[in-house]
């Protein structure tokens, strides 16, 4: 349990990227970015629940999470 808490801490000095910024960097659709990062450890999901209405989620991607995912998907030739 202690390791999970340490892994979920946010570094306040890390730059947070929006879905649109990541989509522009990767030249992909914003929905593709949401699917890639929605369940990624370290990605920040801000929920805005409203009684009787749908839940709005805002996704922010720390720079180190973006780099980790990018290196995981990029193959060096």
Protein backbone atom coordinates (compact mmCIF):
# COMPACT_ATOMS: atom_id res chain seq x y z
CA UNK A 1 0.00 0.00 0.00
CA UNK A 2 2.87 2.37 0.79
CA UNK A 3 4.34 1.91 -2.71
CA UNK A 4 1.00 2.74 -4.35
CA UNK A 5 0.74 5.96 -2.35
CA UNK A 6 4.28 6.97 -3.31
CA UNK A 7 3.63 6.19 -6.98
CA UNK A 8 0.45 8.27 -7.04
CA UNK A 9 2.07 11.45 -5.68
CA UNK A 10 2.23 14.40 -8.02
CA UNK A 11 5.46 16.32 -8.52
CA UNK A 12 4.47 19.98 -8.37
CA UNK A 13 7.46 21.00 -10.49
CA UNK A 14 6.46 18.70 -13.37
CA UNK A 15 4.77 20.33 -16.34
CA UNK A 16 1.18 19.20 -16.92
CA UNK A 17 0.10 18.76 -20.53
CA UNK A 18 -3.45 18.96 -21.84
CA UNK A 19 -4.94 16.34 -24.12
CA UNK A 20 -4.81 18.81 -27.00
CA UNK A 21 -1.11 19.57 -26.41
CA UNK A 22 -0.21 15.87 -26.43
CA UNK A 23 -2.36 15.27 -29.51
CA UNK A 24 -0.57 18.08 -31.32
CA UNK A 25 2.86 16.74 -30.34
CA UNK A 26 2.02 13.21 -31.49
CA UNK A 27 -0.03 14.32 -34.52
CA UNK A 28 -3.00 12.15 -33.46
CA UNK A 29 -6.63 12.73 -32.55
CA UNK A 30 -7.44 13.96 -29.02
CA UNK A 31 -9.63 10.88 -28.45
CA UNK A 32 -6.61 8.65 -29.15
CA UNK A 33 -4.69 10.51 -26.45
CA UNK A 34 -7.57 10.06 -23.99
CA UNK A 35 -7.61 6.31 -24.63
CA UNK A 36 -3.82 6.06 -24.24
CA UNK A 37 -3.60 7.99 -20.98
CA UNK A 38 -6.95 7.45 -19.20
CA UNK A 39 -5.73 4.40 -17.25
CA UNK A 40 -2.04 5.27 -17.25
CA UNK A 41 -0.47 5.43 -13.77
CA UNK A 42 0.51 9.00 -12.97
CA UNK A 43 -2.02 10.67 -15.28
CA UNK A 44 -4.24 13.12 -13.40
CA UNK A 45 -7.99 12.83 -13.80
CA UNK A 46 -10.05 15.64 -12.31
CA UNK A 47 -13.72 14.71 -11.89
CA UNK A 48 -16.54 17.20 -11.81
CA UNK A 49 -19.58 15.24 -10.64
CA UNK A 50 -22.94 16.96 -10.68
CA UNK A 51 -25.99 15.52 -9.02
CA UNK A 52 -28.25 13.87 -11.56
CA UNK A 53 -25.97 14.64 -14.51
CA UNK A 54 -23.01 13.13 -16.26
CA UNK A 55 -19.54 13.27 -14.72
CA UNK A 56 -17.09 15.56 -16.47
CA UNK A 57 -13.46 14.44 -16.45
CA UNK A 58 -10.46 16.61 -17.15
CA UNK A 59 -7.26 14.76 -18.02
CA UNK A 60 -3.81 16.23 -17.39
CA UNK A 61 -0.66 14.37 -18.33
CA UNK A 62 2.58 15.08 -16.45
CA UNK A 63 5.62 15.43 -18.68
CA UNK A 64 7.33 12.35 -17.18
CA UNK A 65 4.25 10.19 -17.87
CA UNK A 66 4.16 11.45 -21.47
CA UNK A 67 7.84 10.56 -21.92
CA UNK A 68 7.36 7.11 -20.35
CA UNK A 69 4.47 6.25 -22.67
CA UNK A 70 6.30 7.64 -25.68
CA UNK A 71 9.39 5.51 -25.03
CA UNK A 72 7.19 2.46 -24.48
CA UNK A 73 5.55 2.83 -27.90
CA UNK A 74 8.51 4.01 -29.98
CA UNK A 75 10.77 1.41 -31.54
CA UNK A 76 14.33 2.32 -32.44
CA UNK A 77 15.30 1.06 -35.89
